[in-house]
C-alpha atoms as a PDB file:
ATOM      1  CA  UNK A   1       2.839  -7.983 -21.565  1.00  0.00           C
ATOM      2  CA  UNK A   2       0.946  -4.789 -20.876  1.00  0.00           C
ATOM      3  CA  UNK A   3      -2.278  -4.074 -22.812  1.00  0.00           C
ATOM      4  CA  UNK A   4      -1.764  -2.449 -26.202  1.00  0.00           C
ATOM      5  CA  UNK A   5      -1.263   1.301 -25.872  1.00  0.00           C
ATOM      6  CA  UNK A   6      -0.249   1.023 -22.226  1.00  0.00           C
ATOM      7  CA  UNK A   7       3.432   1.431 -21.053  1.00  0.00           C
ATOM      8  CA  UNK A   8       4.323   0.128 -17.704  1.00  0.00           C
ATOM      9  CA  UNK A   9       6.089   2.783 -15.422  1.00  0.00           C
ATOM     10  CA  UNK A  10       9.532   1.815 -14.495  1.00  0.00           C
ATOM     11  CA  UNK A  11       9.994   2.827 -10.858  1.00  0.00           C
ATOM     12  CA  UNK A  12      13.307   3.826  -9.507  1.00  0.00           C
ATOM     13  CA  UNK A  13      13.572   0.558  -7.563  1.00  0.00           C
ATOM     14  CA  UNK A  14      13.115  -1.335 -10.782  1.00  0.00           C
ATOM     15  CA  UNK A  15      15.647   0.963 -12.548  1.00  0.00           C
ATOM     16  CA  UNK A  16      18.246   0.379  -9.770  1.00  0.00           C
ATOM     17  CA  UNK A  17      17.526  -3.330  -9.787  1.00  0.00           C
ATOM     18  CA  UNK A  18      18.106  -3.691 -13.375  1.00  0.00           C
ATOM     19  CA  UNK A  19      21.237  -1.629 -13.558  1.00  0.00           C
ATOM     20  CA  UNK A  20      22.621  -3.432 -10.555  1.00  0.00           C
ATOM     21  CA  UNK A  21      22.024  -6.852 -12.257  1.00  0.00           C
ATOM     22  CA  UNK A  22      23.466  -5.696 -15.575  1.00  0.00           C
ATOM     23  CA  UNK A  23      26.707  -4.629 -13.487  1.00  0.00           C
ATOM     24  CA  UNK A  24      26.738  -7.978 -11.738  1.00  0.00           C
ATOM     25  CA  UNK A  25      26.599  -9.680 -15.047  1.00  0.00           C
ATOM     26  CA  UNK A  26      29.452  -7.643 -16.390  1.00  0.00           C
ATOM     27  CA  UNK A  27      31.783  -8.090 -13.464  1.00  0.00           C
ATOM     28  CA  UNK A  28      31.139 -11.760 -12.667  1.00  0.00           C
ATOM     29  CA  UNK A  29      31.069 -13.413  -9.227  1.00  0.00           C
ATOM     30  CA  UNK A  30      34.547 -12.417  -7.929  1.00  0.00           C
ATOM     31  CA  UNK A  31      34.502  -8.683  -8.115  1.00  0.00           C
ATOM     32  CA  UNK A  32      35.071  -6.589  -4.899  1.00  0.00           C
ATOM     33  CA  UNK A  33      32.307  -4.578  -3.162  1.00  0.00           C
ATOM     34  CA  UNK A  34      32.366  -1.985  -0.422  1.00  0.00           C
ATOM     35  CA  UNK A  35      30.650  -4.561   1.825  1.00  0.00           C
ATOM     36  CA  UNK A  36      33.553  -5.833   3.857  1.00  0.00           C
ATOM     37  CA  UNK A  37      34.686  -9.288   2.989  1.00  0.00           C
ATOM     38  CA  UNK A  38      31.878  -9.656   0.252  1.00  0.00           C
ATOM     39  CA  UNK A  39      32.304 -10.317  -3.481  1.00  0.00           C
ATOM     40  CA  UNK A  40      29.634  -9.616  -5.968  1.00  0.00           C
ATOM     41  CA  UNK A  41      28.434 -13.271  -5.472  1.00  0.00           C
ATOM     42  CA  UNK A  42      27.979 -12.698  -1.773  1.00  0.00           C
ATOM     43  CA  UNK A  43      26.187  -9.409  -2.248  1.00  0.00           C
ATOM     44  CA  UNK A  44      23.844 -10.934  -4.836  1.00  0.00           C
ATOM     45  CA  UNK A  45      23.078 -13.821  -2.471  1.00  0.00           C
ATOM     46  CA  UNK A  46      22.315 -11.317   0.375  1.00  0.00           C
ATOM     47  CA  UNK A  47      19.868  -9.440  -1.735  1.00  0.00           C
ATOM     48  CA  UNK A  48      18.034 -12.694  -2.962  1.00  0.00           C
ATOM     49  CA  UNK A  49      17.891 -13.791   0.837  1.00  0.00           C
ATOM     50  CA  UNK A  50      16.487 -10.417   1.831  1.00  0.00           C
ATOM     51  CA  UNK A  51      13.572 -10.808  -0.488  1.00  0.00           C
ATOM     52  CA  UNK A  52      12.957 -14.518  -0.681  1.00  0.00           C
ATOM     53  CA  UNK A  53      14.010 -15.849   2.628  1.00  0.00           C
ATOM     54  CA  UNK A  54      12.111 -13.864   5.456  1.00  0.00           C
ATOM     55  CA  UNK A  55      12.924 -16.491   7.890  1.00  0.00           C
ATOM     56  CA  UNK A  56      16.626 -15.530   7.641  1.00  0.00           C
ATOM     57  CA  UNK A  57      16.283 -11.696   7.530  1.00  0.00           C
ATOM     58  CA  UNK A  58      16.562 -11.160  11.257  1.00  0.00           C
ATOM     59  CA  UNK A  59      20.247 -11.824  11.271  1.00  0.00           C
ATOM     60  CA  UNK A  60      20.848  -8.843   8.847  1.00  0.00           C
ATOM     61  CA  UNK A  61      20.105  -6.479  11.886  1.00  0.00           C
ATOM     62  CA  UNK A  62      20.131  -8.801  14.998  1.00  0.00           C
ATOM     63  CA  UNK A  63      23.672 -10.083  15.892  1.00  0.00           C
ATOM     64  CA  UNK A  64      22.471 -13.218  17.621  1.00  0.00           C
ATOM     65  CA  UNK A  65      20.800 -14.370  14.605  1.00  0.00           C
ATOM     66  CA  UNK A  66      23.615 -13.566  12.277  1.00  0.00           C
ATOM     67  CA  UNK A  67      24.939 -17.078  12.142  1.00  0.00           C
ATOM     68  CA  UNK A  68      21.654 -18.526  10.707  1.00  0.00           C
ATOM     69  CA  UNK A  69      21.422 -15.708   8.197  1.00  0.00           C
ATOM     70  CA  UNK A  70      25.106 -16.397   6.968  1.00  0.00           C
ATOM     71  CA  UNK A  71      24.414 -20.163   6.716  1.00  0.00           C
ATOM     72  CA  UNK A  72      21.226 -19.417   4.652  1.00  0.00           C
ATOM     73  CA  UNK A  73      23.190 -17.047   2.372  1.00  0.00           C
ATOM     74  CA  UNK A  74      25.990 -19.583   1.948  1.00  0.00           C
ATOM     75  CA  UNK A  75      23.394 -22.156   1.110  1.00  0.00           C
ATOM     76  CA  UNK A  76      21.920 -19.859  -1.498  1.00  0.00           C
ATOM     77  CA  UNK A  77      25.342 -19.743  -3.157  1.00  0.00           C
ATOM     78  CA  UNK A  78      25.792 -23.435  -2.854  1.00  0.00           C
ATOM     79  CA  UNK A  79      22.517 -24.127  -4.641  1.00  0.00           C
ATOM     80  CA  UNK A  80      22.619 -21.427  -7.211  1.00  0.00           C
ATOM     81  CA  UNK A  81      25.371 -20.595  -9.580  1.00  0.00           C
ATOM     82  CA  UNK A  82      26.042 -16.884  -9.710  1.00  0.00           C
ATOM     83  CA  UNK A  83      24.035 -16.184 -13.011  1.00  0.00           C
ATOM     84  CA  UNK A  84      21.038 -17.866 -11.432  1.00  0.00           C
ATOM     85  CA  UNK A  85      21.177 -15.735  -8.333  1.00  0.00           C
ATOM     86  CA  UNK A  86      21.401 -12.557 -10.596  1.00  0.00           C
ATOM     87  CA  UNK A  87      18.385 -13.818 -12.528  1.00  0.00           C
ATOM     88  CA  UNK A  88      16.500 -14.214  -9.365  1.00  0.00           C
ATOM     89  CA  UNK A  89      17.229 -10.821  -8.288  1.00  0.00           C
ATOM     90  CA  UNK A  90      16.068  -9.258 -11.608  1.00  0.00           C
ATOM     91  CA  UNK A  91      12.478  -9.558 -10.507  1.00  0.00           C
ATOM     92  CA  UNK A  92      11.265  -8.509  -7.224  1.00  0.00           C
ATOM     93  CA  UNK A  93      10.767 -11.424  -4.887  1.00  0.00           C
ATOM     94  CA  UNK A  94       8.271 -12.380  -2.135  1.00  0.00           C
ATOM     95  CA  UNK A  95       6.020  -9.718  -1.148  1.00  0.00           C
ATOM     96  CA  UNK A  96       7.829  -7.080  -3.199  1.00  0.00           C
ATOM     97  CA  UNK A  97       6.766  -8.940  -6.421  1.00  0.00           C
ATOM     98  CA  UNK A  98       3.199  -8.823  -5.366  1.00  0.00           C
ATOM     99  CA  UNK A  99       3.259  -5.104  -4.365  1.00  0.00           C
ATOM    100  CA  UNK A 100       5.256  -2.787  -6.635  1.00  0.00           C
ATOM    101  CA  UNK A 101       4.380   0.217  -4.560  1.00  0.00           C
ATOM    102  CA  UNK A 102       6.104  -1.608  -1.506  1.00  0.00           C
ATOM    103  CA  UNK A 103       9.007  -2.526  -3.701  1.00  0.00           C
ATOM    104  CA  UNK A 104       9.460   1.203  -4.554  1.00  0.00           C
ATOM    105  CA  UNK A 105       8.974   2.301  -0.956  1.00  0.00           C
ATOM    106  CA  UNK A 106      11.288  -0.268   0.712  1.00  0.00           C
ATOM    107  CA  UNK A 107      13.855  -1.105  -1.891  1.00  0.00           C
ATOM    108  CA  UNK A 108      14.733   1.982  -3.791  1.00  0.00           C
ATOM    109  CA  UNK A 109      17.470   3.144  -1.307  1.00  0.00           C
ATOM    110  CA  UNK A 110      18.519  -0.512  -0.504  1.00  0.00           C
ATOM    111  CA  UNK A 111      19.173  -1.171  -4.218  1.00  0.00           C
ATOM    112  CA  UNK A 112      20.698   2.324  -4.899  1.00  0.00           C
ATOM    113  CA  UNK A 113      23.207   1.921  -1.975  1.00  0.00           C
ATOM    114  CA  UNK A 114      24.147  -1.598  -2.993  1.00  0.00           C
ATOM    115  CA  UNK A 115      24.472  -0.605  -6.683  1.00  0.00           C
ATOM    116  CA  UNK A 116      26.914   2.064  -5.508  1.00  0.00           C
ATOM    117  CA  UNK A 117      28.672  -0.574  -3.205  1.00  0.00           C
ATOM    118  CA  UNK A 118      29.574  -2.401  -6.408  1.00  0.00           C
ATOM    119  CA  UNK A 119      30.289   0.700  -8.663  1.00  0.00           C
ATOM    120  CA  UNK A 120      32.536   2.413  -6.061  1.00  0.00           C
ATOM    121  CA  UNK A 121      34.630  -0.671  -5.454  1.00  0.00           C
ATOM    122  CA  UNK A 122      35.784  -0.635  -9.060  1.00  0.00           C
ATOM    123  CA  UNK A 123      38.646   1.642 -10.380  1.00  0.00           C
ATOM    124  CA  UNK A 124      37.856   5.012 -11.710  1.00  0.00           C
ATOM    125  CA  UNK A 125      34.197   5.224 -10.714  1.00  0.00           C
ATOM    126  CA  UNK A 126      32.367   8.582 -10.832  1.00  0.00           C
ATOM    127  CA  UNK A 127      29.221   9.809  -9.323  1.00  0.00           C
ATOM    128  CA  UNK A 128      26.153   9.328 -11.470  1.00  0.00           C
ATOM    129  CA  UNK A 129      23.900  12.042 -12.754  1.00  0.00           C
ATOM    130  CA  UNK A 130      20.564  11.364 -11.254  1.00  0.00           C
ATOM    131  CA  UNK A 131      17.057  12.281 -12.388  1.00  0.00           C
ATOM    132  CA  UNK A 132      15.721  15.197 -10.342  1.00  0.00           C
ATOM    133  CA  UNK A 133      12.827  13.246  -8.955  1.00  0.00           C
ATOM    134  CA  UNK A 134      15.140  10.427  -7.621  1.00  0.00           C
ATOM    135  CA  UNK A 135      17.469  13.183  -6.164  1.00  0.00           C
ATOM    136  CA  UNK A 136      14.578  14.635  -4.303  1.00  0.00           C
ATOM    137  CA  UNK A 137      13.376  11.352  -3.110  1.00  0.00           C
ATOM    138  CA  UNK A 138      16.781  10.453  -1.749  1.00  0.00           C
ATOM    139  CA  UNK A 139      17.112  13.738   0.027  1.00  0.00           C
ATOM    140  CA  UNK A 140      13.619  13.285   1.620  1.00  0.00           C
ATOM    141  CA  UNK A 141      14.646   9.830   2.964  1.00  0.00           C
ATOM    142  CA  UNK A 142      18.055  10.959   4.224  1.00  0.00           C
ATOM    143  CA  UNK A 143      16.609  14.074   5.913  1.00  0.00           C
ATOM    144  CA  UNK A 144      13.806  12.215   7.617  1.00  0.00           C
ATOM    145  CA  UNK A 145      16.096   9.237   8.600  1.00  0.00           C
ATOM    146  CA  UNK A 146      19.108  11.260   9.773  1.00  0.00           C
ATOM    147  CA  UNK A 147      18.458  10.741  13.505  1.00  0.00           C
ATOM    148  CA  UNK A 148      18.346   6.905  12.945  1.00  0.00           C
ATOM    149  CA  UNK A 149      21.250   6.617  10.498  1.00  0.00           C
ATOM    150  CA  UNK A 150      23.462   9.016  12.530  1.00  0.00           C
ATOM    151  CA  UNK A 151      22.396   7.712  16.019  1.00  0.00           C
ATOM    152  CA  UNK A 152      25.877   6.178  16.665  1.00  0.00           C
ATOM    153  CA  UNK A 153      27.892   9.221  15.558  1.00  0.00           C
ATOM    154  CA  UNK A 154      30.226  10.477  18.303  1.00  0.00           C
ATOM    155  CA  UNK A 155      29.573  14.099  17.333  1.00  0.00           C
ATOM    156  CA  UNK A 156      26.712  16.261  16.051  1.00  0.00           C
ATOM    157  CA  UNK A 157      26.197  16.245  12.264  1.00  0.00           C
ATOM    158  CA  UNK A 158      24.829  19.033  10.013  1.00  0.00           C
ATOM    159  CA  UNK A 159      23.926  17.723   6.596  1.00  0.00           C
ATOM    160  CA  UNK A 160      23.971  20.267   3.886  1.00  0.00           C
ATOM    161  CA  UNK A 161      22.535  19.245   0.589  1.00  0.00           C
ATOM    162  CA  UNK A 162      23.967  20.942  -2.437  1.00  0.00           C
ATOM    163  CA  UNK A 163      21.111  22.813  -4.085  1.00  0.00           C
ATOM    164  CA  UNK A 164      19.182  23.338  -0.871  1.00  0.00           C
ATOM    165  CA  UNK A 165      18.363  21.436   2.341  1.00  0.00           C
ATOM    166  CA  UNK A 166      19.773  21.128   5.753  1.00  0.00           C
ATOM    167  CA  UNK A 167      19.094  18.444   8.420  1.00  0.00           C
ATOM    168  CA  UNK A 168      20.679  17.414  11.809  1.00  0.00           C
ATOM    169  CA  UNK A 169      21.673  14.181  13.293  1.00  0.00           C
ATOM    170  CA  UNK A 170      24.003  12.688  16.152  1.00  0.00           C
ATOM    171  CA  UNK A 171      24.150  13.895  19.684  1.00  0.00           C
ATOM    172  CA  UNK A 172      22.377  17.261  20.326  1.00  0.00           C
ATOM    173  CA  UNK A 173      24.776  18.523  22.909  1.00  0.00           C
ATOM    174  CA  UNK A 174      28.205  17.958  21.362  1.00  0.00           C
ATOM    175  CA  UNK A 175      30.657  19.485  18.947  1.00  0.00           C
ATOM    176  CA  UNK A 176      29.246  19.512  15.368  1.00  0.00           C
ATOM    177  CA  UNK A 177      30.679  18.582  11.970  1.00  0.00           C
ATOM    178  CA  UNK A 178      29.245  20.050   8.816  1.00  0.00           C
ATOM    179  CA  UNK A 179      28.923  17.597   5.865  1.00  0.00           C
ATOM    180  CA  UNK A 180      28.083  19.029   2.532  1.00  0.00           C
ATOM    181  CA  UNK A 181      27.428  17.096  -0.756  1.00  0.00           C
ATOM    182  CA  UNK A 182      24.677  15.984  -3.218  1.00  0.00           C
ATOM    183  CA  UNK A 183      21.730  14.021  -1.736  1.00  0.00           C
ATOM    184  CA  UNK A 184      23.252  10.667  -3.170  1.00  0.00           C
ATOM    185  CA  UNK A 185      26.521  11.389  -1.572  1.00  0.00           C
ATOM    186  CA  UNK A 186      24.931  12.252   1.757  1.00  0.00           C
ATOM    187  CA  UNK A 187      23.010   9.055   1.529  1.00  0.00           C
ATOM    188  CA  UNK A 188      26.198   6.976   1.077  1.00  0.00           C
ATOM    189  CA  UNK A 189      27.908   8.760   3.962  1.00  0.00           C
ATOM    190  CA  UNK A 190      24.925   8.281   6.384  1.00  0.00           C
ATOM    191  CA  UNK A 191      24.751   4.590   5.490  1.00  0.00           C
ATOM    192  CA  UNK A 192      28.259   3.936   6.688  1.00  0.00           C
ATOM    193  CA  UNK A 193      30.268   4.550   3.410  1.00  0.00           C
ATOM    194  CA  UNK A 194      31.934   7.734   4.688  1.00  0.00           C
ATOM    195  CA  UNK A 195      35.329   7.058   3.100  1.00  0.00           C
ATOM    196  CA  UNK A 196      33.687   6.413  -0.323  1.00  0.00           C
ATOM    197  CA  UNK A 197      31.364   9.365  -0.290  1.00  0.00           C
ATOM    198  CA  UNK A 198      32.357  12.510  -2.191  1.00  0.00           C
ATOM    199  CA  UNK A 199      31.332  15.002   0.551  1.00  0.00           C
ATOM    200  CA  UNK A 200      33.115  17.960   2.171  1.00  0.00           C
ATOM    201  CA  UNK A 201      33.530  17.824   6.094  1.00  0.00           C
ATOM    202  CA  UNK A 202      33.960  20.976   8.053  1.00  0.00           C
ATOM    203  CA  UNK A 203      34.892  20.884  11.750  1.00  0.00           C
ATOM    204  CA  UNK A 204      37.679  20.363  14.239  1.00  0.00           C
ATOM    205  CA  UNK A 205      40.052  17.669  12.660  1.00  0.00           C
ATOM    206  CA  UNK A 206      39.625  15.268  15.581  1.00  0.00           C
ATOM    207  CA  UNK A 207      35.858  15.396  15.338  1.00  0.00           C
ATOM    208  CA  UNK A 208      36.023  14.962  11.657  1.00  0.00           C
ATOM    209  CA  UNK A 209      38.207  11.800  11.971  1.00  0.00           C
ATOM    210  CA  UNK A 210      35.899  10.319  14.577  1.00  0.00           C
ATOM    211  CA  UNK A 211      32.877  10.873  12.221  1.00  0.00           C
ATOM    212  CA  UNK A 212      34.666   9.285   9.305  1.00  0.00           C
ATOM    213  CA  UNK A 213      35.397   6.180  11.288  1.00  0.00           C
ATOM    214  CA  UNK A 214      31.999   5.863  13.138  1.00  0.00           C
ATOM    215  CA  UNK A 215      29.711   2.912  12.470  1.00  0.00           C
ATOM    216  CA  UNK A 216      26.863   4.833  10.747  1.00  0.00           C
ATOM    217  CA  UNK A 217      23.839   3.372   9.107  1.00  0.00           C
ATOM    218  CA  UNK A 218      20.790   1.321   9.895  1.00  0.00           C
END
């Protein structure tokens, strides 16, 4: 409990975490997600692993370690019923529970994208109206990270944020595709969810198709 007269600030990471867990609870363990082959149960286990099993995090990004990571993730599912995993996720785990500023810095986009992975796998989803400061934060991260997230793009990419802002990614000496959308839609596009991002692509049709199918993201 905060002291009388003080209200705890709810960070964007905490807000996304809470909303995602509420959605997990509503949908149950067998709902689809945009993460290929994963249900909501799998995604909940992944997020708990990421925060509470640092020994198994390497396999998220390093293929030779992926087998161990998968075994730990499956072990979490075997030991914890789905509601328990969701409850574990509701509070930041590991170092993120000790350092709220680190939770905000590291987890805001991670939780936002995975929240959208669940939302957009359901029928009749619509983009959310975001607070202006979250929209600015997302664009700041998208624009600063474009070289990394678009490094595997086969073509040059020009990201245009609706409302203002332009940044570049992909090969410098190649044809370019223009991608226009809100900050959150550009985020989903750059994180490998191209076919589920509401953006406008302008360029040679062959280049546009290549970009849509490219393995973008971290």
